[in-house]
Amino acid sequence: MTRTPAVVSVRMTEQFAEDLEVLQRSGMSASDAVRHAARIVAQGQRAAELQAQESGGRRPGVMSIPTRALYGPQPPYGGLEQRV
């Protein structure tokens, strides 16, 4: 079993700061935003690896990454939004 590092250091560049700011617009902390981004990229990598296994080692040239499962459950809508 691989030991999970407690802390990861990332060099802050102007582009990284801009990207991080975009992810934090929803109210995420910087740590949550980095974890979220890593999860999305890892999900894409896993899907590409699975497709490669199923197609004789050929990775997809273009693919979509379903992200619905990455977000927490949404609060229920009120009657007005449901047109009740």
N, C-alpha and C. Protein backbone atom coordinates (compact mmCIF):
# COMPACT_ATOMS: atom_id res chain seq x y z
N MET A 1 0.84 -1.18 0.00
CA MET A 1 0.00 0.00 0.00
C MET A 1 0.88 1.24 0.00
N THR A 2 0.54 2.23 -0.82
CA THR A 2 1.31 3.45 -0.93
C THR A 2 0.93 4.42 0.18
N ARG A 3 1.92 5.05 0.75
CA ARG A 3 1.67 6.05 1.80
C ARG A 3 1.19 7.34 1.16
N THR A 4 0.07 7.85 1.61
CA THR A 4 -0.48 9.10 1.08
C THR A 4 0.22 10.28 1.76
N PRO A 5 0.76 11.22 0.96
CA PRO A 5 1.41 12.37 1.58
C PRO A 5 0.39 13.25 2.30
N ALA A 6 0.80 13.82 3.42
CA ALA A 6 -0.10 14.68 4.20
C ALA A 6 -0.21 16.06 3.56
N VAL A 7 0.86 16.49 2.91
CA VAL A 7 0.90 17.82 2.30
C VAL A 7 1.53 17.72 0.93
N VAL A 8 0.96 18.43 -0.04
CA VAL A 8 1.53 18.50 -1.38
C VAL A 8 1.83 19.96 -1.66
N SER A 9 3.00 20.22 -2.17
CA SER A 9 3.40 21.58 -2.49
C SER A 9 3.30 21.81 -3.99
N VAL A 10 2.69 22.91 -4.39
CA VAL A 10 2.53 23.24 -5.80
C VAL A 10 3.03 24.67 -6.02
N ARG A 11 3.86 24.84 -7.04
CA ARG A 11 4.37 26.18 -7.34
C ARG A 11 3.23 27.04 -7.85
N MET A 12 3.06 28.22 -7.28
CA MET A 12 2.00 29.14 -7.66
C MET A 12 2.49 29.98 -8.84
N THR A 13 1.86 29.78 -9.98
CA THR A 13 2.15 30.61 -11.15
C THR A 13 0.95 31.51 -11.38
N GLU A 14 1.10 32.46 -12.26
CA GLU A 14 -0.02 33.35 -12.56
C GLU A 14 -1.20 32.56 -13.14
N GLN A 15 -0.92 31.64 -14.06
CA GLN A 15 -1.98 30.85 -14.67
C GLN A 15 -2.67 29.95 -13.65
N PHE A 16 -1.87 29.32 -12.77
CA PHE A 16 -2.45 28.46 -11.73
C PHE A 16 -3.33 29.28 -10.80
N ALA A 17 -2.88 30.48 -10.43
CA ALA A 17 -3.67 31.35 -9.56
C ALA A 17 -5.00 31.72 -10.21
N GLU A 18 -4.97 31.99 -11.52
CA GLU A 18 -6.20 32.32 -12.24
C GLU A 18 -7.14 31.12 -12.28
N ASP A 19 -6.60 29.95 -12.56
CA ASP A 19 -7.43 28.74 -12.60
C ASP A 19 -8.02 28.43 -11.23
N LEU A 20 -7.21 28.57 -10.20
CA LEU A 20 -7.67 28.32 -8.84
C LEU A 20 -8.79 29.28 -8.46
N GLU A 21 -8.65 30.52 -8.87
CA GLU A 21 -9.67 31.52 -8.56
C GLU A 21 -11.00 31.16 -9.21
N VAL A 22 -10.95 30.63 -10.43
CA VAL A 22 -12.18 30.20 -11.11
C VAL A 22 -12.86 29.10 -10.31
N LEU A 23 -12.08 28.12 -9.88
CA LEU A 23 -12.66 27.01 -9.11
C LEU A 23 -13.20 27.46 -7.76
N GLN A 24 -12.62 28.49 -7.18
CA GLN A 24 -13.05 28.95 -5.86
C GLN A 24 -14.27 29.85 -5.92
N ARG A 25 -14.74 30.21 -7.09
CA ARG A 25 -15.93 31.06 -7.20
C ARG A 25 -17.16 30.43 -6.57
N SER A 26 -17.18 29.10 -6.51
CA SER A 26 -18.34 28.42 -5.93
C SER A 26 -18.26 28.36 -4.41
N GLY A 27 -17.20 28.92 -3.82
CA GLY A 27 -17.07 28.92 -2.37
C GLY A 27 -16.13 27.87 -1.83
N MET A 28 -15.47 27.13 -2.70
CA MET A 28 -14.51 26.11 -2.25
C MET A 28 -13.26 26.77 -1.69
N SER A 29 -12.64 26.08 -0.74
CA SER A 29 -11.33 26.51 -0.27
C SER A 29 -10.31 26.14 -1.34
N ALA A 30 -9.10 26.67 -1.25
CA ALA A 30 -8.05 26.34 -2.21
C ALA A 30 -7.77 24.83 -2.18
N SER A 31 -7.71 24.24 -1.00
CA SER A 31 -7.46 22.80 -0.90
C SER A 31 -8.57 21.99 -1.56
N ASP A 32 -9.81 22.38 -1.31
CA ASP A 32 -10.94 21.67 -1.92
C ASP A 32 -10.91 21.81 -3.44
N ALA A 33 -10.55 22.99 -3.93
CA ALA A 33 -10.50 23.23 -5.37
C ALA A 33 -9.42 22.37 -6.03
N VAL A 34 -8.26 22.24 -5.39
CA VAL A 34 -7.19 21.41 -5.95
C VAL A 34 -7.60 19.95 -5.95
N ARG A 35 -8.22 19.49 -4.87
CA ARG A 35 -8.70 18.10 -4.83
C ARG A 35 -9.76 17.86 -5.89
N HIS A 36 -10.65 18.81 -6.07
CA HIS A 36 -11.71 18.71 -7.07
C HIS A 36 -11.11 18.59 -8.48
N ALA A 37 -10.15 19.45 -8.78
CA ALA A 37 -9.50 19.42 -10.10
C ALA A 37 -8.78 18.10 -10.32
N ALA A 38 -8.08 17.62 -9.30
CA ALA A 38 -7.37 16.34 -9.42
C ALA A 38 -8.36 15.20 -9.65
N ARG A 39 -9.50 15.25 -9.00
CA ARG A 39 -10.51 14.20 -9.17
C ARG A 39 -11.05 14.19 -10.61
N ILE A 40 -11.30 15.35 -11.18
CA ILE A 40 -11.81 15.42 -12.54
C ILE A 40 -10.79 14.86 -13.53
N VAL A 41 -9.53 15.28 -13.38
CA VAL A 41 -8.49 14.79 -14.29
C VAL A 41 -8.29 13.29 -14.11
N ALA A 42 -8.28 12.80 -12.87
CA ALA A 42 -8.10 11.37 -12.62
C ALA A 42 -9.27 10.57 -13.20
N GLN A 43 -10.48 11.10 -13.11
CA GLN A 43 -11.64 10.42 -13.67
C GLN A 43 -11.47 10.30 -15.19
N GLY A 44 -10.98 11.34 -15.84
CA GLY A 44 -10.73 11.28 -17.27
C GLY A 44 -9.65 10.28 -17.62
N GLN A 45 -8.60 10.24 -16.82
CA GLN A 45 -7.51 9.29 -17.04
C GLN A 45 -8.01 7.85 -16.89
N ARG A 46 -8.80 7.59 -15.84
CA ARG A 46 -9.35 6.25 -15.64
C ARG A 46 -10.22 5.82 -16.81
N ALA A 47 -11.06 6.75 -17.28
CA ALA A 47 -11.94 6.44 -18.40
C ALA A 47 -11.13 6.15 -19.66
N ALA A 48 -10.07 6.92 -19.90
CA ALA A 48 -9.21 6.70 -21.07
C ALA A 48 -8.50 5.35 -20.97
N GLU A 49 -8.03 5.01 -19.79
CA GLU A 49 -7.37 3.72 -19.60
C GLU A 49 -8.34 2.56 -19.83
N LEU A 50 -9.56 2.70 -19.34
CA LEU A 50 -10.56 1.65 -19.53
C LEU A 50 -10.90 1.50 -21.01
N GLN A 51 -11.07 2.61 -21.70
CA GLN A 51 -11.36 2.54 -23.14
C GLN A 51 -10.19 1.92 -23.89
N ALA A 52 -8.96 2.22 -23.48
CA ALA A 52 -7.78 1.64 -24.13
C ALA A 52 -7.75 0.13 -23.92
N GLN A 53 -8.09 -0.32 -22.73
CA GLN A 53 -8.13 -1.76 -22.45
C GLN A 53 -9.16 -2.45 -23.33
N GLU A 54 -10.27 -1.79 -23.54
CA GLU A 54 -11.37 -2.38 -24.31
C GLU A 54 -11.14 -2.31 -25.82
N SER A 55 -10.20 -1.46 -26.26
CA SER A 55 -10.00 -1.29 -27.71
C SER A 55 -8.58 -1.62 -28.13
N GLY A 56 -7.97 -2.58 -27.47
CA GLY A 56 -6.65 -3.05 -27.87
C GLY A 56 -5.52 -2.07 -27.63
N GLY A 57 -5.64 -1.22 -26.62
CA GLY A 57 -4.56 -0.30 -26.27
C GLY A 57 -4.68 1.08 -26.89
N ARG A 58 -5.70 1.29 -27.71
CA ARG A 58 -5.86 2.59 -28.37
C ARG A 58 -6.66 3.53 -27.47
N ARG A 59 -6.03 4.63 -27.07
CA ARG A 59 -6.71 5.62 -26.23
C ARG A 59 -7.62 6.51 -27.09
N PRO A 60 -8.70 7.02 -26.50
CA PRO A 60 -9.59 7.88 -27.27
C PRO A 60 -8.91 9.20 -27.62
N GLY A 61 -9.20 9.72 -28.81
CA GLY A 61 -8.68 11.02 -29.22
C GLY A 61 -9.44 12.15 -28.56
N VAL A 62 -10.73 11.95 -28.42
CA VAL A 62 -11.61 12.95 -27.80
C VAL A 62 -12.58 12.20 -26.90
N MET A 63 -12.85 12.75 -25.73
CA MET A 63 -13.81 12.13 -24.84
C MET A 63 -14.43 13.18 -23.93
N SER A 64 -15.58 12.87 -23.39
CA SER A 64 -16.20 13.75 -22.41
C SER A 64 -16.03 13.11 -21.04
N ILE A 65 -16.00 13.95 -20.03
CA ILE A 65 -15.83 13.46 -18.67
C ILE A 65 -17.10 13.79 -17.90
N PRO A 66 -17.89 12.77 -17.50
CA PRO A 66 -19.09 13.05 -16.72
C PRO A 66 -18.69 13.55 -15.33
N THR A 67 -19.20 14.70 -14.97
CA THR A 67 -18.80 15.30 -13.70
C THR A 67 -19.92 15.38 -12.67
N ARG A 68 -21.12 14.96 -13.02
CA ARG A 68 -22.25 15.07 -12.09
C ARG A 68 -21.94 14.43 -10.73
N ALA A 69 -21.28 13.27 -10.75
CA ALA A 69 -21.00 12.56 -9.49
C ALA A 69 -19.95 13.27 -8.64
N LEU A 70 -19.27 14.24 -9.20
CA LEU A 70 -18.23 14.95 -8.45
C LEU A 70 -18.80 16.02 -7.53
N TYR A 71 -20.02 16.41 -7.77
CA TYR A 71 -20.62 17.48 -6.99
C TYR A 71 -21.55 16.89 -5.93
N GLY A 72 -21.67 17.59 -4.84
CA GLY A 72 -22.53 17.13 -3.75
C GLY A 72 -23.99 17.19 -4.15
N PRO A 73 -24.85 16.55 -3.37
CA PRO A 73 -26.28 16.57 -3.68
C PRO A 73 -26.81 18.00 -3.63
N GLN A 74 -27.72 18.29 -4.53
CA GLN A 74 -28.33 19.61 -4.58
C GLN A 74 -29.50 19.68 -3.61
N PRO A 75 -29.71 20.84 -2.99
CA PRO A 75 -30.87 20.96 -2.10
C PRO A 75 -32.16 20.83 -2.90
N PRO A 76 -33.22 20.32 -2.28
CA PRO A 76 -34.49 20.18 -3.00
C PRO A 76 -35.03 21.56 -3.38
N TYR A 77 -35.68 21.61 -4.53
CA TYR A 77 -36.28 22.87 -4.97
C TYR A 77 -37.60 23.09 -4.26
N GLY A 78 -37.97 24.34 -4.11
CA GLY A 78 -39.26 24.68 -3.52
C GLY A 78 -40.38 24.48 -4.53
N GLY A 79 -41.60 24.59 -4.07
CA GLY A 79 -42.76 24.37 -4.92
C GLY A 79 -42.82 25.29 -6.12
N LEU A 80 -42.37 26.54 -5.97
CA LEU A 80 -42.46 27.50 -7.06
C LEU A 80 -41.62 27.02 -8.24
N GLU A 81 -40.39 26.57 -7.98
CA GLU A 81 -39.53 26.09 -9.05
C GLU A 81 -40.06 24.80 -9.68
N GLN A 82 -40.76 24.00 -8.90
CA GLN A 82 -41.29 22.73 -9.42
C GLN A 82 -42.65 22.92 -10.07
N ARG A 83 -43.15 24.14 -10.05
CA ARG A 83 -44.47 24.46 -10.62
C ARG A 83 -45.57 23.63 -9.99
N VAL A 84 -45.47 23.51 -8.65
CA VAL A 84 -46.46 22.75 -7.91
C VAL A 84 -47.60 23.67 -7.52
